[in-house]
């Protein structure tokens, strides 16, 4: 039973992968998995070795959430700043990028993407900010609101007699009581 979560862990990706459209091909991309043929059913559970180099190059999109902010880092190096738009809509951050057909060394290429990220509770859509770094990484930040709610006095409701008054009455009658650690048991002197 303890291995079941391990086998299904690959089905829940931690990052968005395979976003390298239009990039140069590496020799690793042409290798076949000849030795992997007997393990066809296990292919979903074991990552083929030929994909490790591609996974290392693929930075994709990362999401960071902490107590102060929600942050998305997205690689958009193939898009010019005017080809990217960031907006908030219905509790989501929507990032879109599109450029028309361009010629590169391999032929012609057109790129387009759309990503939606749910804003966590406590993030105000009006405070979302975006920055584009010089190396083509779009950083979208939504600070979590740290509004201190108005201070409110909470009334204390008494449900029984006050102990001090009860003790003062006992001393007036000439009986002094000593409390032990248990409030139910009292010793008289």
Protein backbone atom coordinates (compact mmCIF):
# COMPACT_ATOMS: atom_id res chain seq x y z
CA UNK A 1 0.00 0.00 0.00
CA UNK A 2 2.84 2.42 0.72
CA UNK A 3 4.10 2.26 -2.88
CA UNK A 4 0.81 3.22 -4.54
CA UNK A 5 1.31 6.99 -4.05
CA UNK A 6 4.84 6.60 -5.44
CA UNK A 7 3.56 5.02 -8.67
CA UNK A 8 0.87 7.63 -9.23
CA UNK A 9 3.13 10.57 -8.35
CA UNK A 10 4.14 11.06 -12.01
CA UNK A 11 0.48 11.68 -12.88
CA UNK A 12 0.50 14.89 -10.82
CA UNK A 13 3.03 17.18 -12.50
CA UNK A 14 4.80 19.77 -10.38
CA UNK A 15 5.52 22.01 -13.38
CA UNK A 16 4.17 22.54 -16.84
CA UNK A 17 6.61 20.79 -19.16
CA UNK A 18 7.28 20.54 -22.89
CA UNK A 19 7.00 24.23 -23.75
CA UNK A 20 10.06 24.31 -26.01
CA UNK A 21 8.34 24.61 -29.38
CA UNK A 22 10.65 25.94 -32.06
CA UNK A 23 13.86 25.28 -30.14
CA UNK A 24 16.82 23.47 -31.67
CA UNK A 25 16.75 19.70 -31.50
CA UNK A 26 19.41 17.94 -29.48
CA UNK A 27 20.90 14.53 -30.34
CA UNK A 28 19.03 13.12 -27.35
CA UNK A 29 15.73 13.88 -29.08
CA UNK A 30 16.57 11.34 -31.83
CA UNK A 31 17.44 8.43 -29.55
CA UNK A 32 14.88 5.64 -29.35
CA UNK A 33 13.98 3.61 -26.36
CA UNK A 34 14.85 0.17 -27.79
CA UNK A 35 15.63 -1.26 -24.37
CA UNK A 36 12.35 0.06 -23.02
CA UNK A 37 10.11 -2.12 -25.25
CA UNK A 38 9.41 -4.88 -22.67
CA UNK A 39 8.24 -2.23 -20.22
CA UNK A 40 5.41 -0.79 -22.32
CA UNK A 41 2.92 -1.03 -19.45
CA UNK A 42 5.39 0.53 -17.00
CA UNK A 43 6.12 3.50 -19.29
CA UNK A 44 3.64 5.67 -17.36
CA UNK A 45 5.45 5.02 -14.09
CA UNK A 46 9.11 5.22 -15.11
CA UNK A 47 10.32 8.26 -16.99
CA UNK A 48 12.33 7.16 -20.06
CA UNK A 49 16.00 8.12 -19.87
CA UNK A 50 15.90 9.91 -23.20
CA UNK A 51 13.57 12.59 -21.76
CA UNK A 52 15.81 13.56 -18.85
CA UNK A 53 17.96 15.96 -20.88
CA UNK A 54 14.87 17.67 -22.32
CA UNK A 55 13.31 17.94 -18.86
CA UNK A 56 16.47 19.57 -17.50
CA UNK A 57 16.38 22.23 -20.25
CA UNK A 58 12.63 22.85 -19.84
CA UNK A 59 12.02 25.48 -17.17
CA UNK A 60 8.35 25.89 -18.06
CA UNK A 61 6.22 27.63 -15.50
CA UNK A 62 6.75 27.69 -11.76
CA UNK A 63 4.26 28.74 -9.11
CA UNK A 64 5.31 29.94 -5.66
CA UNK A 65 2.85 30.59 -2.87
CA UNK A 66 3.77 31.74 0.60
CA UNK A 67 2.10 33.71 3.36
CA UNK A 68 2.87 37.08 1.73
CA UNK A 69 2.34 36.55 -2.01
CA UNK A 70 1.38 34.35 -4.94
CA UNK A 71 3.93 34.36 -7.78
CA UNK A 72 4.05 32.81 -11.24
CA UNK A 73 7.27 32.66 -13.29
CA UNK A 74 6.69 31.88 -16.97
CA UNK A 75 9.29 31.57 -19.73
CA UNK A 76 8.12 33.79 -22.62
CA UNK A 77 11.48 34.35 -24.35
CA UNK A 78 9.98 33.73 -27.82
CA UNK A 79 7.55 36.64 -27.50
CA UNK A 80 8.10 40.39 -27.67
CA UNK A 81 6.63 42.43 -24.78
CA UNK A 82 3.86 43.78 -27.02
CA UNK A 83 2.84 40.20 -27.94
CA UNK A 84 2.10 39.28 -24.30
CA UNK A 85 -0.94 40.27 -22.26
CA UNK A 86 -1.66 39.73 -18.57
CA UNK A 87 -5.12 40.29 -17.12
CA UNK A 88 -7.33 39.17 -14.24
CA UNK A 89 -10.77 37.74 -14.83
CA UNK A 90 -13.20 36.00 -12.45
CA UNK A 91 -10.56 35.15 -9.85
CA UNK A 92 -7.96 34.00 -12.40
CA UNK A 93 -4.75 35.47 -13.77
CA UNK A 94 -4.84 35.01 -17.55
CA UNK A 95 -1.56 35.25 -19.50
CA UNK A 96 -1.69 35.17 -23.29
CA UNK A 97 1.00 35.37 -25.92
CA UNK A 98 0.74 35.27 -29.69
CA UNK A 99 2.92 36.17 -32.62
CA UNK A 100 2.21 35.81 -36.29
CA UNK A 101 4.16 33.61 -38.63
CA UNK A 102 7.89 34.32 -38.51
CA UNK A 103 10.77 32.89 -40.48
CA UNK A 104 13.57 31.19 -38.57
CA UNK A 105 16.47 28.91 -39.57
CA UNK A 106 14.18 25.83 -39.79
CA UNK A 107 11.29 27.42 -41.73
CA UNK A 108 8.26 29.35 -40.55
CA UNK A 109 6.79 29.25 -37.09
CA UNK A 110 3.73 30.64 -35.33
CA UNK A 111 3.44 30.56 -31.56
CA UNK A 112 0.45 31.10 -29.32
CA UNK A 113 -0.33 30.21 -25.71
CA UNK A 114 -2.85 30.95 -23.00
CA UNK A 115 -2.33 30.14 -19.31
CA UNK A 116 -4.84 30.61 -16.49
CA UNK A 117 -3.86 30.51 -12.84
CA UNK A 118 -6.43 30.59 -10.03
CA UNK A 119 -5.81 33.41 -7.56
CA UNK A 120 -5.68 32.04 -4.02
CA UNK A 121 -7.97 33.41 -1.34
CA UNK A 122 -6.68 36.61 0.17
CA UNK A 123 -5.27 37.97 -3.11
CA UNK A 124 -6.91 41.09 -4.49
CA UNK A 125 -7.07 41.00 -8.33
CA UNK A 126 -6.48 44.77 -8.42
CA UNK A 127 -3.02 44.41 -6.84
CA UNK A 128 -1.60 41.95 -9.42
CA UNK A 129 1.69 43.15 -10.94
CA UNK A 130 3.78 41.76 -13.81
CA UNK A 131 7.43 42.23 -14.78
CA UNK A 132 9.38 40.94 -17.75
CA UNK A 133 13.05 40.20 -17.10
CA UNK A 134 15.77 40.73 -19.68
CA UNK A 135 16.18 36.96 -20.15
CA UNK A 136 12.50 36.50 -21.11
CA UNK A 137 10.92 35.37 -17.84
CA UNK A 138 7.55 36.91 -17.04
CA UNK A 139 7.02 37.31 -13.28
CA UNK A 140 3.43 37.86 -12.16
CA UNK A 141 2.97 38.66 -8.47
CA UNK A 142 -0.22 38.97 -6.44
CA UNK A 143 0.41 40.12 -2.86
CA UNK A 144 -1.86 38.60 -0.26
CA UNK A 145 -3.83 41.22 1.60
CA UNK A 146 -2.52 41.83 5.09
CA UNK A 147 -5.32 44.09 6.13
CA UNK A 148 -5.69 44.22 9.86
CA UNK A 149 -9.35 43.97 10.57
CA UNK A 150 -10.79 46.68 12.78
CA UNK A 151 -10.24 45.98 16.41
CA UNK A 152 -13.37 44.73 18.07
CA UNK A 153 -14.03 44.38 21.77
CA UNK A 154 -15.61 41.06 22.65
CA UNK A 155 -17.94 41.18 25.66
CA UNK A 156 -17.41 38.65 28.44
CA UNK A 157 -20.57 36.98 29.63
CA UNK A 158 -20.53 35.69 33.20
CA UNK A 159 -22.17 32.33 33.70
CA UNK A 160 -21.82 31.90 37.46
CA UNK A 161 -20.83 33.72 40.65
CA UNK A 162 -17.43 35.41 40.70
CA UNK A 163 -14.87 33.48 42.81
CA UNK A 164 -13.42 36.52 44.56
CA UNK A 165 -16.76 37.56 45.95
CA UNK A 166 -17.40 34.04 47.15
CA UNK A 167 -14.01 33.92 48.89
CA UNK A 168 -14.56 37.31 50.57
CA UNK A 169 -17.90 36.09 51.94
CA UNK A 170 -16.20 32.98 53.39
CA UNK A 171 -13.54 35.11 55.13
CA UNK A 172 -16.23 37.34 56.65
CA UNK A 173 -17.95 34.31 58.18
CA UNK A 174 -14.69 33.34 59.87
CA UNK A 175 -13.90 30.37 57.70
CA UNK A 176 -10.78 30.63 55.57
CA UNK A 177 -10.55 28.14 52.74
CA UNK A 178 -7.37 27.01 51.06
CA UNK A 179 -7.54 25.91 47.47
CA UNK A 180 -5.64 22.86 46.32
CA UNK A 181 -4.61 22.20 42.76
CA UNK A 182 -7.99 20.72 41.94
CA UNK A 183 -10.68 23.44 42.04
CA UNK A 184 -13.36 20.97 43.15
CA UNK A 185 -11.60 19.96 46.39
CA UNK A 186 -11.26 22.51 49.18
CA UNK A 187 -9.75 22.08 52.63
CA UNK A 188 -10.95 23.96 55.64
CA UNK A 189 -8.51 25.04 58.40
